[in-house]
Amino acid sequence: MTDFSPKQKKIIDGYYRNRDDIMVAKLSELVSDLYLADTAAKRKRLWDRAAAAMRNLKWKPAVIAHILDAQKPEVLAKNLEDWLKRAPTDAR
């Protein structure tokens, strides 16, 4: 196992402390990117990244499956908006 310097430990701790905020920001960016995606391959990569972000946020598997089955950015955007309204501030 690698020993980290105090500065590196602080950066790592900060990442995990803010992980949900980072994932929410990524999902928000992915919504925009999905609207603008011009090839099927690009859309597939973006949907794969969105699925990973949703799993990291611990969204229900049924919700993730619904969003991925629809493959519509507006469905992802609506679910993200609803999640943000329900999530307590300290959980984001």
C-alpha atoms as a PDB file:
ATOM      1  CA  MET A   1       0.000   0.000   0.000  1.00  0.00           C
ATOM      2  CA  THR A   2       1.224   3.446  -0.886  1.00  0.00           C
ATOM      3  CA  ASP A   3       1.818   5.982   1.860  1.00  0.00           C
ATOM      4  CA  PHE A   4       0.338   9.332   1.032  1.00  0.00           C
ATOM      5  CA  SER A   5       1.677  12.691   2.125  1.00  0.00           C
ATOM      6  CA  PRO A   6      -0.543  14.771   4.432  1.00  0.00           C
ATOM      7  CA  LYS A   7      -1.439  17.018   1.476  1.00  0.00           C
ATOM      8  CA  GLN A   8      -2.442  14.007  -0.646  1.00  0.00           C
ATOM      9  CA  LYS A   9      -4.528  12.587   2.221  1.00  0.00           C
ATOM     10  CA  LYS A  10      -6.328  15.914   2.534  1.00  0.00           C
ATOM     11  CA  ILE A  11      -7.124  15.928  -1.202  1.00  0.00           C
ATOM     12  CA  ILE A  12      -8.369  12.323  -1.097  1.00  0.00           C
ATOM     13  CA  ASP A  13     -10.520  13.015   1.971  1.00  0.00           C
ATOM     14  CA  GLY A  14     -11.963  16.102   0.293  1.00  0.00           C
ATOM     15  CA  TYR A  15     -12.883  14.093  -2.784  1.00  0.00           C
ATOM     16  CA  TYR A  16     -14.790  11.490  -0.790  1.00  0.00           C
ATOM     17  CA  ARG A  17     -16.430  14.132   1.400  1.00  0.00           C
ATOM     18  CA  ASN A  18     -17.722  15.906  -1.735  1.00  0.00           C
ATOM     19  CA  ARG A  19     -18.300  12.852  -3.917  1.00  0.00           C
ATOM     20  CA  ASP A  20     -22.081  13.315  -4.169  1.00  0.00           C
ATOM     21  CA  ASP A  21     -21.673  16.935  -5.247  1.00  0.00           C
ATOM     22  CA  ILE A  22     -19.132  15.834  -7.856  1.00  0.00           C
ATOM     23  CA  MET A  23     -21.497  13.147  -9.207  1.00  0.00           C
ATOM     24  CA  VAL A  24     -24.423  15.599  -9.352  1.00  0.00           C
ATOM     25  CA  ALA A  25     -22.273  18.061 -11.288  1.00  0.00           C
ATOM     26  CA  LYS A  26     -21.203  15.280 -13.670  1.00  0.00           C
ATOM     27  CA  LEU A  27     -24.805  14.225 -14.251  1.00  0.00           C
ATOM     28  CA  SER A  28     -25.815  17.820 -14.946  1.00  0.00           C
ATOM     29  CA  GLU A  29     -23.032  18.141 -17.507  1.00  0.00           C
ATOM     30  CA  LEU A  30     -23.961  14.794 -19.039  1.00  0.00           C
ATOM     31  CA  VAL A  31     -27.544  15.970 -19.618  1.00  0.00           C
ATOM     32  CA  SER A  32     -26.213  18.838 -21.717  1.00  0.00           C
ATOM     33  CA  ASP A  33     -23.704  16.598 -23.485  1.00  0.00           C
ATOM     34  CA  LEU A  34     -26.429  14.062 -24.313  1.00  0.00           C
ATOM     35  CA  TYR A  35     -28.573  16.746 -25.937  1.00  0.00           C
ATOM     36  CA  LEU A  36     -25.604  17.748 -28.089  1.00  0.00           C
ATOM     37  CA  ALA A  37     -24.250  14.269 -28.901  1.00  0.00           C
ATOM     38  CA  ASP A  38     -24.170  13.792 -32.631  1.00  0.00           C
ATOM     39  CA  THR A  39     -23.205  10.124 -32.987  1.00  0.00           C
ATOM     40  CA  ALA A  40     -24.581   6.890 -31.564  1.00  0.00           C
ATOM     41  CA  ALA A  41     -21.151   5.945 -30.215  1.00  0.00           C
ATOM     42  CA  LYS A  42     -20.850   9.228 -28.344  1.00  0.00           C
ATOM     43  CA  ARG A  43     -24.347   8.850 -26.883  1.00  0.00           C
ATOM     44  CA  LYS A  44     -23.528   5.314 -25.720  1.00  0.00           C
ATOM     45  CA  ARG A  45     -20.374   6.495 -23.912  1.00  0.00           C
ATOM     46  CA  LEU A  46     -22.300   9.319 -22.281  1.00  0.00           C
ATOM     47  CA  TRP A  47     -25.111   7.016 -21.146  1.00  0.00           C
ATOM     48  CA  ASP A  48     -22.518   4.620 -19.681  1.00  0.00           C
ATOM     49  CA  ARG A  49     -21.006   7.502 -17.714  1.00  0.00           C
ATOM     50  CA  ALA A  50     -24.465   8.625 -16.575  1.00  0.00           C
ATOM     51  CA  ALA A  51     -25.250   5.101 -15.371  1.00  0.00           C
ATOM     52  CA  ALA A  52     -22.027   5.003 -13.359  1.00  0.00           C
ATOM     53  CA  ALA A  53     -22.775   8.397 -11.786  1.00  0.00           C
ATOM     54  CA  MET A  54     -26.313   7.306 -10.845  1.00  0.00           C
ATOM     55  CA  ARG A  55     -24.958   4.131  -9.245  1.00  0.00           C
ATOM     56  CA  ASN A  56     -22.401   6.190  -7.315  1.00  0.00           C
ATOM     57  CA  LEU A  57     -25.251   8.348  -6.019  1.00  0.00           C
ATOM     58  CA  LYS A  58     -27.004   5.123  -4.973  1.00  0.00           C
ATOM     59  CA  TRP A  59     -30.133   5.751  -7.020  1.00  0.00           C
ATOM     60  CA  LYS A  60     -32.600   2.859  -6.996  1.00  0.00           C
ATOM     61  CA  PRO A  61     -31.797   0.249  -9.670  1.00  0.00           C
ATOM     62  CA  ALA A  62     -35.360   0.486 -11.003  1.00  0.00           C
ATOM     63  CA  VAL A  63     -34.977   4.243 -11.544  1.00  0.00           C
ATOM     64  CA  ILE A  64     -31.625   3.776 -13.271  1.00  0.00           C
ATOM     65  CA  ALA A  65     -33.099   1.060 -15.491  1.00  0.00           C
ATOM     66  CA  HIS A  66     -36.071   3.289 -16.403  1.00  0.00           C
ATOM     67  CA  ILE A  67     -33.762   6.166 -17.364  1.00  0.00           C
ATOM     68  CA  LEU A  68     -31.429   3.931 -19.371  1.00  0.00           C
ATOM     69  CA  ASP A  69     -34.335   2.212 -21.129  1.00  0.00           C
ATOM     70  CA  ALA A  70     -35.782   5.576 -22.166  1.00  0.00           C
ATOM     71  CA  GLN A  71     -32.407   6.895 -23.404  1.00  0.00           C
ATOM     72  CA  LYS A  72     -33.813  10.429 -23.349  1.00  0.00           C
ATOM     73  CA  PRO A  73     -31.838  13.295 -21.794  1.00  0.00           C
ATOM     74  CA  GLU A  74     -35.059  14.945 -20.628  1.00  0.00           C
ATOM     75  CA  VAL A  75     -35.917  11.862 -18.538  1.00  0.00           C
ATOM     76  CA  LEU A  76     -32.487  11.997 -16.905  1.00  0.00           C
ATOM     77  CA  ALA A  77     -32.853  15.748 -16.341  1.00  0.00           C
ATOM     78  CA  LYS A  78     -36.291  15.343 -14.733  1.00  0.00           C
ATOM     79  CA  ASN A  79     -35.078  12.575 -12.407  1.00  0.00           C
ATOM     80  CA  LEU A  80     -32.005  14.582 -11.461  1.00  0.00           C
ATOM     81  CA  GLU A  81     -34.194  17.602 -10.692  1.00  0.00           C
ATOM     82  CA  ASP A  82     -36.539  15.457  -8.566  1.00  0.00           C
ATOM     83  CA  TRP A  83     -33.585  13.883  -6.741  1.00  0.00           C
ATOM     84  CA  LEU A  84     -32.107  17.290  -5.964  1.00  0.00           C
ATOM     85  CA  LYS A  85     -35.424  18.451  -4.505  1.00  0.00           C
ATOM     86  CA  ARG A  86     -35.647  15.377  -2.241  1.00  0.00           C
ATOM     87  CA  ALA A  87     -32.005  15.080  -1.205  1.00  0.00           C
ATOM     88  CA  PRO A  88     -31.114  16.749   2.075  1.00  0.00           C
ATOM     89  CA  THR A  89     -28.561  19.524   1.707  1.00  0.00           C
ATOM     90  CA  ASP A  90     -25.936  17.672   3.767  1.00  0.00           C
ATOM     91  CA  ALA A  91     -26.295  14.596   1.515  1.00  0.00           C
ATOM     92  CA  ARG A  92     -25.334  16.611  -1.562  1.00  0.00           C
END
